[in-house]
Protein backbone atom coordinates (compact mmCIF):
# COMPACT_ATOMS: atom_id res chain seq x y z
CA UNK A 1 153.13 18.02 18.19
CA UNK A 2 150.92 15.75 16.11
CA UNK A 3 148.49 17.45 13.80
CA UNK A 4 146.94 17.05 10.36
CA UNK A 5 146.14 19.53 7.63
CA UNK A 6 142.82 21.32 8.03
CA UNK A 7 141.93 20.52 4.40
CA UNK A 8 142.06 16.80 5.23
CA UNK A 9 139.17 17.30 7.64
CA UNK A 10 136.86 18.20 4.74
CA UNK A 11 137.28 15.42 2.16
CA UNK A 12 135.38 15.57 -1.08
CA UNK A 13 134.40 11.89 -0.89
CA UNK A 14 133.41 9.84 2.12
CA UNK A 15 134.13 6.10 2.29
CA UNK A 16 131.92 3.92 4.47
CA UNK A 17 133.32 0.55 5.55
CA UNK A 18 131.02 -1.98 7.18
CA UNK A 19 133.14 -3.52 9.93
CA UNK A 20 130.90 -6.57 10.14
CA UNK A 21 131.27 -7.31 6.42
CA UNK A 22 134.92 -6.36 5.98
CA UNK A 23 137.14 -9.46 6.12
CA UNK A 24 140.46 -7.57 5.84
CA UNK A 25 141.30 -9.27 2.54
CA UNK A 26 143.25 -6.18 1.37
CA UNK A 27 141.76 -6.34 -2.13
CA UNK A 28 140.85 -2.66 -1.85
CA UNK A 29 144.46 -1.91 -0.88
CA UNK A 30 145.76 -3.58 -4.03
CA UNK A 31 143.12 -2.09 -6.33
CA UNK A 32 143.46 1.54 -5.22
CA UNK A 33 146.32 3.33 -6.98
CA UNK A 34 145.97 6.47 -4.86
CA UNK A 35 146.86 4.89 -1.50
CA UNK A 36 143.42 5.47 0.02
CA UNK A 37 143.16 2.03 1.64
CA UNK A 38 145.95 0.66 3.81
CA UNK A 39 146.64 -2.06 6.34
CA UNK A 40 146.83 -0.65 9.86
CA UNK A 41 149.25 -3.01 11.55
CA UNK A 42 148.72 -1.39 14.96
CA UNK A 43 144.96 -2.08 14.90
CA UNK A 44 145.17 -5.24 12.82
CA UNK A 45 142.63 -4.23 10.19
CA UNK A 46 142.24 -2.43 6.87
CA UNK A 47 141.45 1.28 7.08
CA UNK A 48 141.12 4.19 4.65
CA UNK A 49 142.02 7.86 4.29
CA UNK A 50 139.10 9.90 2.95
CA UNK A 51 141.33 12.87 2.10
CA UNK A 52 143.05 10.83 -0.66
CA UNK A 53 139.88 9.47 -2.28
CA UNK A 54 139.11 10.86 -5.75
CA UNK A 55 135.80 8.99 -6.19
CA UNK A 56 136.86 6.55 -8.93
CA UNK A 57 134.73 3.79 -7.33
CA UNK A 58 137.32 1.13 -8.16
CA UNK A 59 137.25 -0.41 -4.69
CA UNK A 60 133.46 -0.74 -4.49
CA UNK A 61 132.80 -3.42 -7.15
CA UNK A 62 135.95 -5.36 -6.25
CA UNK A 63 135.07 -5.71 -2.57
CA UNK A 64 134.04 -9.40 -2.28
CA UNK A 65 131.67 -8.78 0.63
CA UNK A 66 130.22 -5.43 -0.46
CA UNK A 67 131.55 -3.69 2.63
CA UNK A 68 132.47 -0.44 0.89
CA UNK A 69 130.48 2.52 -0.36
CA UNK A 70 131.80 5.83 -1.69
CA UNK A 71 129.67 8.96 -1.83
CA UNK A 72 130.19 12.64 -2.53
CA UNK A 73 130.21 14.92 0.48
CA UNK A 74 127.84 17.54 -0.97
CA UNK A 75 127.90 19.61 2.23
CA UNK A 76 131.30 21.15 1.47
CA UNK A 77 131.78 20.14 -2.17
CA UNK A 78 128.74 20.77 -4.37
CA UNK A 79 128.80 19.13 -7.78
CA UNK A 80 130.92 21.70 -9.60
CA UNK A 81 134.38 21.77 -11.08
CA UNK A 82 136.41 18.92 -12.50
CA UNK A 83 135.33 16.24 -10.01
CA UNK A 84 131.62 16.41 -10.76
CA UNK A 85 131.38 12.67 -11.61
CA UNK A 86 128.44 13.44 -13.86
CA UNK A 87 128.02 12.59 -17.52
CA UNK A 88 126.81 16.00 -18.61
CA UNK A 89 128.13 19.18 -20.12
CA UNK A 90 129.26 22.04 -17.92
CA UNK A 91 126.60 24.71 -17.71
CA UNK A 92 123.62 24.80 -20.04
CA UNK A 93 123.48 21.95 -22.54
CA UNK A 94 121.74 23.33 -25.62
CA UNK A 95 121.42 19.84 -27.07
CA UNK A 96 118.80 19.16 -24.40
CA UNK A 97 116.76 22.07 -25.79
CA UNK A 98 116.84 20.70 -29.33
CA UNK A 99 114.42 18.03 -30.52
CA UNK A 100 114.67 15.85 -33.61
CA UNK A 101 111.77 16.51 -35.96
CA UNK A 102 110.07 13.34 -37.15
CA UNK A 103 108.56 13.95 -40.58
CA UNK A 104 107.79 12.18 -43.82
CA UNK A 105 110.34 11.07 -46.37
CA UNK A 106 109.11 13.70 -48.83
CA UNK A 107 110.45 16.55 -46.70
CA UNK A 108 112.75 18.86 -48.64
CA UNK A 109 116.39 18.91 -47.65
CA UNK A 110 117.76 22.41 -47.82
CA UNK A 111 121.38 23.46 -48.30
CA UNK A 112 122.37 20.02 -49.48
CA UNK A 113 125.84 19.49 -50.91
CA UNK A 114 127.78 16.75 -52.65
CA UNK A 115 130.32 15.19 -50.29
CA UNK A 116 133.87 14.81 -51.51
CA UNK A 117 135.15 11.33 -52.30
CA UNK A 118 137.39 11.16 -49.21
CA UNK A 119 134.80 12.63 -46.84
CA UNK A 120 134.16 11.12 -43.43
CA UNK A 121 130.94 9.28 -44.26
CA UNK A 122 130.39 7.35 -41.02
CA UNK A 123 128.33 9.09 -38.32
CA UNK A 124 130.82 7.94 -35.68
CA UNK A 125 134.56 8.55 -35.61
CA UNK A 126 137.36 7.21 -33.40
CA UNK A 127 140.53 9.11 -32.62
CA UNK A 128 143.53 8.36 -30.44
CA UNK A 129 144.22 12.05 -29.79
CA UNK A 130 143.75 12.67 -26.07
CA UNK A 131 144.47 15.43 -23.60
CA UNK A 132 146.41 12.94 -21.45
CA UNK A 133 148.31 9.72 -22.25
CA UNK A 134 146.13 6.64 -22.20
CA UNK A 135 146.76 2.92 -21.96
CA UNK A 136 148.31 1.54 -25.15
CA UNK A 137 146.10 -1.54 -24.78
CA UNK A 138 143.07 0.69 -25.29
CA UNK A 139 144.55 2.16 -28.46
CA UNK A 140 144.95 -1.38 -29.74
CA UNK A 141 141.35 -2.14 -28.78
CA UNK A 142 140.06 0.98 -30.57
CA UNK A 143 141.91 -0.03 -33.73
CA UNK A 144 140.36 -3.51 -33.52
CA UNK A 145 136.91 -1.99 -33.13
CA UNK A 146 137.34 0.36 -36.06
CA UNK A 147 138.38 -2.52 -38.30
CA UNK A 148 135.50 -4.71 -37.18
CA UNK A 149 132.77 -2.07 -37.44
CA UNK A 150 134.23 -0.13 -40.35
CA UNK A 151 134.68 3.10 -38.38
CA UNK A 152 137.14 5.80 -39.37
CA UNK A 153 140.14 5.77 -37.03
CA UNK A 154 143.18 8.06 -37.08
CA UNK A 155 142.99 8.97 -40.75
CA UNK A 156 145.72 11.61 -40.37
CA UNK A 157 148.05 9.60 -42.61
CA UNK A 158 145.53 9.70 -45.45
CA UNK A 159 144.09 13.19 -45.06
CA UNK A 160 145.08 16.68 -44.04
CA UNK A 161 143.33 17.09 -40.68
CA UNK A 162 143.18 20.46 -38.98
CA UNK A 163 141.99 20.60 -35.33
CA UNK A 164 140.41 23.89 -34.29
CA UNK A 165 139.05 24.88 -30.87
CA UNK A 166 135.41 25.76 -30.26
CA UNK A 167 136.29 29.43 -29.75
CA UNK A 168 134.53 32.69 -30.65
CA UNK A 169 136.37 32.85 -34.01
CA UNK A 170 135.87 29.20 -34.90
CA UNK A 171 134.19 30.07 -38.21
CA UNK A 172 137.18 32.14 -39.35
CA UNK A 173 139.58 29.39 -38.30
CA UNK A 174 137.58 26.78 -40.21
CA UNK A 175 137.38 28.84 -43.40
CA UNK A 176 141.12 29.55 -43.32
CA UNK A 177 141.88 25.88 -42.72
CA UNK A 178 139.88 24.82 -45.77
CA UNK A 179 141.53 27.48 -47.94
CA UNK A 180 144.90 26.15 -46.80
CA UNK A 181 144.04 22.66 -48.00
CA UNK A 182 142.49 20.91 -44.98
CA UNK A 183 140.45 17.81 -45.90
CA UNK A 184 139.00 17.28 -42.43
CA UNK A 185 138.29 19.75 -39.62
CA UNK A 186 137.88 18.59 -36.04
CA UNK A 187 136.07 21.05 -33.81
CA UNK A 188 137.36 20.41 -30.30
CA UNK A 189 134.85 21.12 -27.56
CA UNK A 190 135.90 21.95 -24.01
CA UNK A 191 134.57 19.87 -21.14
CA UNK A 192 136.11 19.14 -17.78
CA UNK A 193 136.10 16.03 -15.64
CA UNK A 194 134.99 13.65 -18.38
CA UNK A 195 137.91 11.39 -19.20
CA UNK A 196 141.23 11.73 -21.05
CA UNK A 197 139.50 12.99 -24.21
CA UNK A 198 138.39 16.23 -22.58
CA UNK A 199 139.92 19.51 -21.46
CA UNK A 200 140.61 20.13 -17.78
CA UNK A 201 139.83 23.83 -18.01
CA UNK A 202 136.16 24.54 -17.20
CA UNK A 203 134.16 27.39 -18.76
CA UNK A 204 136.52 27.69 -21.72
CA UNK A 205 135.49 28.30 -25.32
CA UNK A 206 131.91 28.24 -26.61
CA UNK A 207 129.35 25.41 -26.62
CA UNK A 208 130.01 22.84 -29.33
CA UNK A 209 126.47 23.35 -30.70
CA UNK A 210 127.25 26.96 -31.64
CA UNK A 211 130.67 26.08 -33.04
CA UNK A 212 129.35 23.38 -35.36
CA UNK A 213 126.43 25.51 -36.55
CA UNK A 214 128.45 28.64 -37.35
CA UNK A 215 131.23 26.65 -39.07
CA UNK A 216 128.71 24.86 -41.28
CA UNK A 217 127.00 28.13 -42.24
CA UNK A 218 130.27 29.96 -42.95
CA UNK A 219 131.56 27.18 -45.19
CA UNK A 220 128.28 27.11 -47.10
CA UNK A 221 128.28 30.88 -47.53
CA UNK A 222 131.79 30.77 -49.01
CA UNK A 223 131.11 27.70 -51.16
CA UNK A 224 133.61 25.54 -49.29
CA UNK A 225 131.35 23.04 -47.59
CA UNK A 226 131.78 20.31 -50.19
CA UNK A 227 135.57 20.45 -49.83
CA UNK A 228 135.86 19.39 -46.22
CA UNK A 229 134.46 17.04 -43.59
CA UNK A 230 133.66 18.37 -40.13
CA UNK A 231 134.06 16.22 -37.01
CA UNK A 232 132.56 17.26 -33.67
CA UNK A 233 135.13 16.15 -31.11
CA UNK A 234 133.17 16.44 -27.88
CA UNK A 235 131.87 14.20 -25.11
CA UNK A 236 128.44 13.22 -26.39
CA UNK A 237 126.14 11.20 -24.15
CA UNK A 238 123.90 9.25 -26.52
CA UNK A 239 123.19 8.55 -30.18
CA UNK A 240 120.57 11.32 -30.24
CA UNK A 241 123.28 13.87 -29.33
CA UNK A 242 125.30 12.66 -32.31
CA UNK A 243 122.27 13.01 -34.58
CA UNK A 244 121.66 16.58 -33.38
CA UNK A 245 125.29 17.59 -33.95
CA UNK A 246 125.19 16.10 -37.44
CA UNK A 247 121.97 17.98 -38.18
CA UNK A 248 123.66 21.18 -37.02
CA UNK A 249 126.42 20.66 -39.59
CA UNK A 250 128.93 18.01 -38.51
CA UNK A 251 129.72 15.04 -40.72
CA UNK A 252 130.62 12.84 -37.80
CA UNK A 253 130.88 12.77 -34.01
CA UNK A 254 133.98 11.50 -32.22
CA UNK A 255 133.27 8.69 -29.76
CA UNK A 256 136.58 8.56 -27.92
CA UNK A 257 134.98 9.47 -24.60
CA UNK A 258 132.22 6.89 -25.10
CA UNK A 259 134.88 4.23 -25.66
CA UNK A 260 136.52 5.12 -22.35
CA UNK A 261 133.22 4.94 -20.47
CA UNK A 262 132.57 1.53 -22.02
CA UNK A 263 135.75 0.15 -20.48
CA UNK A 264 135.14 1.59 -17.03
CA UNK A 265 135.87 5.33 -16.91
CA UNK A 266 133.95 6.90 -14.01
CA UNK A 267 134.75 10.53 -14.92
CA UNK A 268 136.62 11.24 -11.70
CA UNK A 269 138.56 14.03 -13.41
CA UNK A 270 142.02 12.90 -12.25
CA UNK A 271 143.46 11.86 -15.62
CA UNK A 272 146.39 14.26 -15.17
CA UNK A 273 147.76 12.21 -12.27
CA UNK A 274 148.51 9.21 -14.48
CA UNK A 275 147.30 6.90 -11.69
CA UNK A 276 143.95 5.86 -13.17
CA UNK A 277 142.82 2.90 -11.08
CA UNK A 278 140.83 1.54 -14.04
CA UNK A 279 143.96 1.42 -16.18
CA UNK A 280 142.69 3.98 -18.70
CA UNK A 281 144.48 7.35 -18.40
CA UNK A 282 147.82 5.88 -17.41
CA UNK A 283 151.07 4.55 -18.80
CA UNK A 284 152.03 2.69 -15.63
CA UNK A 285 152.86 -0.87 -16.80
CA UNK A 286 151.20 -2.41 -13.75
CA UNK A 287 147.97 -0.41 -14.12
CA UNK A 288 147.94 -0.94 -17.89
CA UNK A 289 147.50 -4.68 -17.29
CA UNK A 290 144.02 -3.95 -15.91
CA UNK A 291 142.80 -3.42 -19.47
CA UNK A 292 142.80 -6.45 -21.76
CA UNK A 293 142.65 -5.21 -25.37
CA UNK A 294 140.38 -8.02 -26.54
CA UNK A 295 137.95 -7.61 -23.64
CA UNK A 296 138.01 -3.83 -24.04
CA UNK A 297 137.34 -4.17 -27.77
CA UNK A 298 134.35 -6.38 -27.07
CA UNK A 299 132.87 -3.78 -24.70
CA UNK A 300 133.41 -1.02 -27.24
CA UNK A 301 131.84 -3.08 -30.02
CA UNK A 302 128.77 -3.65 -27.87
CA UNK A 303 128.10 0.03 -27.18
CA UNK A 304 128.99 1.20 -30.69
CA UNK A 305 126.72 -1.44 -32.24
CA UNK A 306 123.82 -0.30 -30.08
CA UNK A 307 124.43 3.37 -30.87
CA UNK A 308 124.68 2.60 -34.57
CA UNK A 309 121.38 0.72 -34.44
CA UNK A 310 119.72 3.60 -32.59
CA UNK A 311 121.13 6.10 -35.08
CA UNK A 312 119.66 4.13 -37.98
CA UNK A 313 116.27 4.07 -36.25
CA UNK A 314 116.43 7.86 -35.86
CA UNK A 315 117.17 8.25 -39.57
CA UNK A 316 114.35 5.90 -40.52
CA UNK A 317 111.82 7.87 -38.47
CA UNK A 318 112.97 11.03 -40.21
CA UNK A 319 112.63 9.45 -43.62
CA UNK A 320 116.37 9.74 -44.25
CA UNK A 321 118.53 6.96 -45.62
CA UNK A 322 122.04 8.14 -44.67
CA UNK A 323 123.86 10.48 -42.32
CA UNK A 324 125.05 12.58 -45.28
CA UNK A 325 121.43 13.59 -45.92
CA UNK A 326 121.08 14.67 -42.30
CA UNK A 327 124.34 16.64 -42.29
CA UNK A 328 123.55 20.35 -42.05
CA UNK A 329 119.81 19.74 -42.43
CA UNK A 330 118.67 22.07 -39.66
CA UNK A 331 115.03 21.70 -40.73
CA UNK A 332 115.14 18.37 -38.91
CA UNK A 333 115.64 20.17 -35.59
CA UNK A 334 113.19 22.13 -33.46
CA UNK A 335 114.03 24.19 -30.40
CA UNK A 336 112.07 24.43 -27.15
CA UNK A 337 112.80 27.15 -24.60
CA UNK A 338 115.64 28.85 -26.49
CA UNK A 339 115.82 32.58 -27.17
CA UNK A 340 115.44 34.06 -30.65
CA UNK A 341 119.15 34.95 -30.66
CA UNK A 342 120.23 31.39 -29.88
CA UNK A 343 117.88 29.93 -32.49
CA UNK A 344 119.20 32.41 -35.06
CA UNK A 345 122.80 31.37 -34.40
CA UNK A 346 121.95 27.67 -34.49
CA UNK A 347 119.78 28.17 -37.57
CA UNK A 348 116.83 26.23 -36.16
CA UNK A 349 113.13 26.99 -35.77
CA UNK A 350 111.05 26.79 -32.62
CA UNK A 351 108.77 23.82 -32.09
CA UNK A 352 105.44 24.40 -33.80
CA UNK A 353 106.94 26.33 -36.70
């Protein structure tokens, strides 16, 4: 008896193919690494299997006639979980409740400290450490970008780097790491469905905003802040997010996820399969050819240059000349709509105060 699995009847993504526009060129068949599109020899045309679609959108821009569209079937699969395809944090994003305070250059900077000579001084940081293997061509591109723009990239050979998770005891972990000789601390945030630089476990750990703030305060209380650089390793969305994290206490924000989006990552959340159709989270030699290191480097340079320009404009409006002056300067942040407990943990004041 012929039958199909009941789960296949409720696909997460629905593909629409315009029969009048489709010319059966099979480009979608060759571009899809998940076997969604196939040539139906019995009917003499190209067809698709919605149950295999993961929403990477690879087939849509490569269709020469624009016959394909892919949309989320919200009826049975609301935008939750790893396949949310949205560039946002899971749950409440406290960064959206924080506003950068524009004030004069004469504003006092509290809790300032002298950075160590080997400190991470750039506001943006690049790292090759990922949750899943990525295309070696992209690692080459990231190295090219770091050399061209002067960004810090994989400084593990020069410094003692200690990664710590954004967990409830992150402050204790950070203090112990510094006492054990760590030069750089990377606070790893947990986010799902946002590229190979993110965790695949949703609702794990604490928000990166809290982790950065409490680590900065603990290190200052124990007189250790000038001995270490803190990197916020999380999927930030814009240069303003980076500025807010630095104001909360980070020295730099890791832009690994941003680099992946620049070269085509659509946040489909299927990095673990190793079949990334965009040639990003994969080691398949055929798929790896879809990323040219020089072209990828050019795309990364473009977005990093824009973010760097925006970051400098933010500093200028604040009357600050460098990111080191913004680091840990919570007076440059104001909260809107946050509870007194949250503001106390973050160390920020409410707007109007």
